[in-house]
Amino acid sequence: MKTIQNFMQLFFLTGIIALFGMTEVQARSLEEIRQSKEIRICLASDLFVKAEPPDCRDNCTFSGLIYEESLAFANTIGSDIQPKFFKIGWDEQFFNKEGKIIYEADYTPELLASGKCDVFPTHLTKNEWRLKKMDFVTLFPNRMMVIIRKSEKAKMKTVADLAGKTAAVADATSYYTWMKEQNQTVFAANPVKIAEVFQTDEDGINAVETGKTDFTLIDSDKAVWLARHVLKKATVAFPVGPTDEICWAFRKEDKDLQAAVQKFFDAQRSDTSILNKIWESYFGITLNKFITIIRATK
């Protein structure tokens, strides 16, 4: 009898532990975020996200455009809500439970499903394979820009001039997706050679500037910043691809959190808004002005 009682106690205890485990990692709605007084913001390694020390994960000191944008939003959902920031790898935003990216599959990325992250604000491009996994709220329209060495400017003026060249693009990015699509269609007879799959945009830029590859692709906001602050031997050549959307990403079920972010973005249309001030400090132009320029880009 005592053995049976011990077994039942163990069974009950195990069930309680499992229940608490499930609760602890459960994805969270805006109401639950407010109840917990904490919003979990996951920042992927990016040109606009700086974390110190460089190898940190949970206890990082963050800076950069996307960090400031995220902080500005967090301040609008309650004065008693504390933003908690986590550093993640770029491709981790799309990992399933097994730590893999299955492009054609429908699933919620594990970091969102588990409640580790409430939002990915890292200027993600909305595209078909990502829409199978997350929902998006658009911050601004975008065009991909080609970055080449200044010495090659006379030779590379249009999309057709990219055929047969070597490219540096980061894995699991919209650049990589576009490049693969072009190689299967427009460049099928003379495909672009993806010389190496890099982890960061900075790696791709460096590969161009040092002559390792002919070109890389970058989103328009990063192209403006790079041209102003970084590029020396390289330059912004021309746009490619259709106009797309740069967004924050969420678990599909979290419509209330998406609505709160949409309301925040809508409120930024004033030229004196916090996001316009942040953008002007980084780019020399407001977010409103940037959007006007991109919409006029052919």
Protein backbone atom coordinates (compact mmCIF):
# COMPACT_ATOMS: atom_id res chain seq x y z
CA MET A 1 0.00 0.00 0.00
CA LYS A 2 2.80 2.41 0.93
CA THR A 3 4.43 1.77 -2.45
CA ILE A 4 1.18 2.64 -4.22
CA GLN A 5 0.82 5.84 -2.15
CA ASN A 6 4.38 6.86 -2.98
CA PHE A 7 3.74 6.19 -6.65
CA MET A 8 0.55 8.29 -6.58
CA GLN A 9 2.35 11.15 -4.81
CA LEU A 10 5.14 11.02 -7.38
CA PHE A 11 2.60 10.94 -10.23
CA PHE A 12 0.75 13.94 -8.77
CA LEU A 13 3.97 15.89 -8.19
CA THR A 14 5.16 15.18 -11.72
CA GLY A 15 1.86 16.43 -13.10
CA ILE A 16 2.11 19.65 -11.09
CA ILE A 17 5.67 20.25 -12.29
CA ALA A 18 4.61 19.65 -15.90
CA LEU A 19 1.67 22.04 -15.49
CA PHE A 20 3.86 24.79 -14.10
CA GLY A 21 6.35 24.15 -16.89
CA MET A 22 3.65 24.57 -19.50
CA THR A 23 2.41 27.76 -17.88
CA GLU A 24 5.89 29.22 -17.63
CA VAL A 25 6.60 28.87 -21.35
CA GLN A 26 3.14 29.65 -22.70
CA ALA A 27 2.83 32.39 -25.32
CA ARG A 28 1.34 35.60 -23.96
CA SER A 29 -1.33 38.07 -25.05
CA LEU A 30 -1.22 41.84 -24.43
CA GLU A 31 -3.49 41.34 -21.40
CA GLU A 32 -1.02 38.82 -19.97
CA ILE A 33 1.86 41.17 -20.72
CA ARG A 34 0.12 43.89 -18.74
CA GLN A 35 -0.68 41.52 -15.89
CA SER A 36 2.96 40.42 -15.70
CA LYS A 37 4.13 44.06 -15.98
CA GLU A 38 6.80 42.89 -18.43
CA ILE A 39 7.10 42.87 -22.21
CA ARG A 40 9.74 40.56 -23.66
CA ILE A 41 11.45 42.11 -26.68
CA CYS A 42 13.89 39.97 -28.64
CA LEU A 43 16.49 41.80 -30.67
CA ALA A 44 18.27 39.88 -33.40
CA SER A 45 21.85 40.67 -34.32
CA ASP A 46 21.55 43.51 -36.83
CA LEU A 47 23.20 46.63 -38.16
CA PHE A 48 20.79 48.65 -35.98
CA VAL A 49 21.14 46.55 -32.83
CA LYS A 50 24.29 46.81 -30.74
CA ALA A 51 24.75 44.70 -27.61
CA GLU A 52 27.53 44.76 -25.03
CA PRO A 53 29.36 42.63 -24.23
CA PRO A 54 29.34 41.22 -27.79
CA ASP A 55 28.79 37.60 -26.67
CA CYS A 56 25.96 38.41 -24.23
CA ARG A 57 22.48 36.88 -24.39
CA ASP A 58 20.18 37.86 -21.48
CA ASN A 59 22.13 40.52 -19.59
CA CYS A 60 23.08 42.82 -22.44
CA THR A 61 23.37 46.57 -22.63
CA PHE A 62 21.61 47.52 -25.86
CA SER A 63 21.81 50.54 -28.12
CA GLY A 64 20.88 51.35 -31.70
CA LEU A 65 17.91 52.42 -33.78
CA ILE A 66 15.76 49.32 -33.27
CA TYR A 67 16.41 49.29 -29.53
CA GLU A 68 15.26 52.93 -29.30
CA GLU A 69 12.17 52.23 -31.43
CA SER A 70 11.25 49.26 -29.22
CA LEU A 71 11.75 51.24 -26.04
CA ALA A 72 9.54 54.04 -27.37
CA PHE A 73 6.72 51.56 -28.01
CA ALA A 74 7.10 49.85 -24.63
CA ASN A 75 6.62 53.23 -22.96
CA THR A 76 3.15 53.53 -24.55
CA ILE A 77 1.55 50.37 -23.14
CA GLY A 78 1.76 51.22 -19.46
CA SER A 79 4.06 53.17 -17.17
CA ASP A 80 4.32 50.16 -14.88
CA ILE A 81 5.38 47.75 -17.66
CA GLN A 82 9.09 47.06 -17.87
CA PRO A 83 10.66 46.08 -21.20
CA LYS A 84 12.92 43.04 -20.92
CA PHE A 85 15.35 42.70 -23.82
CA PHE A 86 16.96 39.50 -25.08
CA LYS A 87 19.62 39.11 -27.74
CA ILE A 88 19.00 36.36 -30.30
CA GLY A 89 20.58 35.23 -33.54
CA TRP A 90 18.92 36.40 -36.76
CA ASP A 91 17.86 32.93 -37.88
CA GLU A 92 16.54 32.06 -34.40
CA GLN A 93 13.51 34.24 -35.19
CA PHE A 94 12.33 31.48 -37.53
CA PHE A 95 13.40 28.32 -35.68
CA ASN A 96 10.86 25.59 -34.93
CA LYS A 97 11.03 23.43 -31.80
CA GLU A 98 13.89 21.46 -33.28
CA GLY A 99 15.96 24.58 -33.93
CA LYS A 100 15.45 24.39 -37.70
CA ILE A 101 13.95 26.66 -40.36
CA ILE A 102 11.45 24.82 -42.58
CA TYR A 103 10.64 27.43 -45.21
CA GLU A 104 7.56 25.75 -46.67
CA ALA A 105 6.02 24.73 -43.31
CA ASP A 106 3.34 26.44 -41.23
CA TYR A 107 4.38 26.80 -37.59
CA THR A 108 4.89 29.41 -34.88
CA PRO A 109 8.60 30.08 -34.26
CA GLU A 110 9.54 28.55 -30.93
CA LEU A 111 10.71 31.80 -29.32
CA LEU A 112 7.21 33.26 -29.85
CA ALA A 113 5.31 30.06 -29.11
CA SER A 114 7.16 29.51 -25.83
CA GLY A 115 6.65 33.05 -24.52
CA LYS A 116 10.39 33.76 -24.46
CA CYS A 117 9.67 36.62 -26.89
CA ASP A 118 6.52 38.71 -27.29
CA VAL A 119 7.72 40.60 -30.37
CA PHE A 120 10.48 40.63 -32.99
CA PRO A 121 10.98 44.32 -33.88
CA THR A 122 14.13 43.74 -35.96
CA HIS A 123 12.89 45.35 -39.22
CA LEU A 124 11.76 42.09 -40.83
CA THR A 125 10.65 42.01 -44.45
CA LYS A 126 7.18 40.49 -44.85
CA ASN A 127 7.33 37.68 -47.39
CA GLU A 128 5.49 34.50 -48.28
CA TRP A 129 7.45 31.96 -46.24
CA ARG A 130 7.51 34.15 -43.14
CA LEU A 131 3.74 34.73 -43.35
CA LYS A 132 3.33 30.99 -42.79
CA LYS A 133 4.84 31.46 -39.35
CA MET A 134 4.05 34.96 -38.06
CA ASP A 135 1.89 38.05 -38.51
CA PHE A 136 3.34 41.47 -39.24
CA VAL A 137 2.69 45.16 -38.58
CA THR A 138 4.29 47.40 -41.21
CA LEU A 139 6.60 50.22 -40.15
CA PHE A 140 7.67 51.50 -43.59
CA PRO A 141 7.87 50.53 -47.29
CA ASN A 142 11.20 49.29 -48.59
CA ARG A 143 13.31 48.55 -51.64
CA MET A 144 16.37 46.33 -51.62
CA MET A 145 19.51 48.16 -52.68
CA VAL A 146 22.57 46.78 -54.46
CA ILE A 147 25.91 47.66 -52.88
CA ILE A 148 28.98 47.49 -55.15
CA ARG A 149 32.54 48.78 -55.13
CA LYS A 150 32.85 52.34 -56.41
CA SER A 151 35.34 51.15 -59.02
CA GLU A 152 32.63 48.97 -60.60
CA LYS A 153 29.96 51.65 -60.86
CA ALA A 154 30.36 52.11 -64.63
CA LYS A 155 29.95 48.36 -65.23
CA MET A 156 27.02 47.62 -62.92
CA LYS A 157 24.04 49.86 -63.57
CA THR A 158 21.02 47.56 -63.85
CA VAL A 159 19.70 44.26 -62.55
CA ALA A 160 20.86 42.51 -65.72
CA ASP A 161 24.46 43.43 -64.89
CA LEU A 162 24.31 41.21 -61.80
CA ALA A 163 24.11 38.01 -63.87
CA GLY A 164 27.13 35.78 -63.34
CA LYS A 165 28.55 37.95 -60.57
CA THR A 166 29.33 36.84 -57.02
CA ALA A 167 27.11 37.93 -54.13
CA ALA A 168 27.39 38.07 -50.36
CA VAL A 169 24.05 37.62 -48.59
CA ALA A 170 23.08 36.55 -45.10
CA ASP A 171 21.15 33.32 -44.62
CA ALA A 172 17.39 33.42 -43.80
CA THR A 173 17.13 36.99 -45.11
CA SER A 174 14.83 38.46 -47.74
CA TYR A 175 18.00 39.14 -49.80
CA TYR A 176 18.82 35.44 -49.88
CA THR A 177 15.23 34.56 -50.82
CA TRP A 178 15.20 37.11 -53.68
CA MET A 179 18.60 35.99 -54.96
CA LYS A 180 17.53 32.33 -55.08
CA GLU A 181 14.35 33.29 -56.95
CA GLN A 182 16.31 35.26 -59.56
CA ASN A 183 18.74 32.39 -60.08
CA GLN A 184 15.79 30.10 -60.84
CA THR A 185 14.23 32.55 -63.30
CA VAL A 186 15.90 35.70 -64.68
CA PHE A 187 19.48 34.50 -64.15
CA ALA A 188 18.86 30.81 -64.86
CA ALA A 189 21.24 30.83 -67.84
CA ASN A 190 23.94 32.74 -65.94
CA PRO A 191 23.17 32.58 -62.22
CA VAL A 192 24.64 34.77 -59.53
CA LYS A 193 27.19 32.86 -57.50
CA ILE A 194 26.48 33.10 -53.78
CA ALA A 195 30.11 32.96 -52.76
CA GLU A 196 29.42 32.62 -49.06
CA VAL A 197 26.42 32.83 -46.78
CA PHE A 198 27.21 35.43 -44.13
CA GLN A 199 25.65 35.88 -40.70
CA THR A 200 25.35 39.68 -40.66
CA ASP A 201 24.89 42.60 -43.03
CA GLU A 202 28.25 43.96 -41.87
CA ASP A 203 29.94 40.79 -43.13
CA GLY A 204 28.36 41.23 -46.55
CA ILE A 205 29.42 44.88 -46.78
CA ASN A 206 32.96 43.98 -45.77
CA ALA A 207 33.08 41.25 -48.43
CA VAL A 208 32.27 43.85 -51.10
CA GLU A 209 34.68 46.48 -49.81
CA THR A 210 37.54 43.98 -49.63
CA GLY A 211 36.82 42.55 -53.08
CA LYS A 212 35.74 39.08 -51.95
CA THR A 213 32.42 39.45 -53.75
CA ASP A 214 30.99 41.73 -56.45
CA PHE A 215 27.91 42.91 -54.61
CA THR A 216 25.59 42.51 -51.68
CA LEU A 217 21.97 43.45 -51.03
CA ILE A 218 20.72 45.65 -48.22
CA ASP A 219 17.40 47.19 -47.19
CA SER A 220 16.92 50.85 -48.03
CA ASP A 221 17.07 52.16 -44.45
CA LYS A 222 20.40 50.41 -43.92
CA ALA A 223 21.65 51.67 -47.27
CA VAL A 224 20.99 55.27 -46.22
CA TRP A 225 22.79 54.76 -42.91
CA LEU A 226 25.74 52.95 -44.49
CA ALA A 227 26.19 55.64 -47.16
CA ARG A 228 26.23 58.29 -44.44
CA HIS A 229 28.43 56.57 -41.85
CA VAL A 230 30.27 53.50 -43.12
CA LEU A 231 30.89 52.99 -46.83
CA LYS A 232 34.35 53.93 -48.07
CA LYS A 233 35.24 51.80 -51.09
CA ALA A 234 31.64 50.76 -51.77
CA THR A 235 28.53 52.63 -52.82
CA VAL A 236 24.76 52.23 -53.21
CA ALA A 237 24.18 51.38 -56.88
CA PHE A 238 20.46 50.85 -57.64
CA PRO A 239 17.27 49.27 -56.23
CA VAL A 240 16.11 45.76 -57.12
CA GLY A 241 12.95 43.79 -56.59
CA PRO A 242 9.46 45.12 -55.89
CA THR A 243 8.55 47.50 -53.11
CA ASP A 244 8.06 45.43 -49.98
CA GLU A 245 7.25 46.09 -46.32
CA ILE A 246 9.53 46.31 -43.29
CA CYS A 247 7.70 45.16 -40.18
CA TRP A 248 7.64 43.99 -36.61
CA ALA A 249 6.65 40.32 -36.24
CA PHE A 250 4.28 38.59 -33.79
CA ARG A 251 2.60 35.33 -32.98
CA LYS A 252 -0.50 35.10 -35.20
CA GLU A 253 -2.87 34.84 -32.22
CA ASP A 254 -1.68 38.07 -30.60
CA LYS A 255 -4.06 40.44 -32.41
CA ASP A 256 -4.34 42.77 -29.41
CA LEU A 257 -0.57 43.31 -29.27
CA GLN A 258 -0.48 43.84 -33.04
CA ALA A 259 -3.25 46.43 -32.71
CA ALA A 260 -1.30 48.27 -30.00
CA VAL A 261 1.78 48.43 -32.23
CA GLN A 262 -0.31 49.57 -35.21
CA LYS A 263 -1.80 52.34 -33.06
CA PHE A 264 1.73 53.36 -32.01
CA PHE A 265 2.95 53.44 -35.63
CA ASP A 266 -0.10 55.45 -36.74
CA ALA A 267 0.62 58.03 -34.03
CA GLN A 268 4.10 58.60 -35.46
CA ARG A 269 2.91 60.44 -38.58
CA SER A 270 3.45 63.77 -36.84
CA ASP A 271 6.82 65.25 -37.84
CA THR A 272 7.59 65.85 -34.17
CA SER A 273 6.82 62.26 -33.09
CA ILE A 274 9.35 60.21 -31.15
CA LEU A 275 10.11 57.88 -34.08
CA ASN A 276 10.68 60.80 -36.42
CA LYS A 277 13.12 62.29 -33.92
CA ILE A 278 14.92 58.96 -33.50
CA TRP A 279 15.22 58.51 -37.27
CA GLU A 280 16.49 62.02 -37.81
CA SER A 281 19.26 61.41 -35.29
CA TYR A 282 20.40 58.30 -37.21
CA PHE A 283 19.75 59.24 -40.83
CA GLY A 284 19.56 63.01 -40.99
CA ILE A 285 15.96 62.70 -42.24
CA THR A 286 12.70 61.82 -40.51
CA LEU A 287 10.86 58.54 -40.95
CA ASN A 288 8.13 60.48 -42.77
CA LYS A 289 10.64 61.88 -45.26
CA PHE A 290 12.23 58.46 -45.74
CA ILE A 291 8.82 56.92 -46.56
CA THR A 292 8.18 59.67 -49.12
CA ILE A 293 11.55 58.97 -50.80
CA ILE A 294 10.97 55.20 -50.98
CA ARG A 295 7.48 55.61 -52.45
CA ALA A 296 9.00 57.76 -55.19
CA THR A 297 11.80 55.27 -55.97
CA LYS A 298 11.51 53.60 -59.39
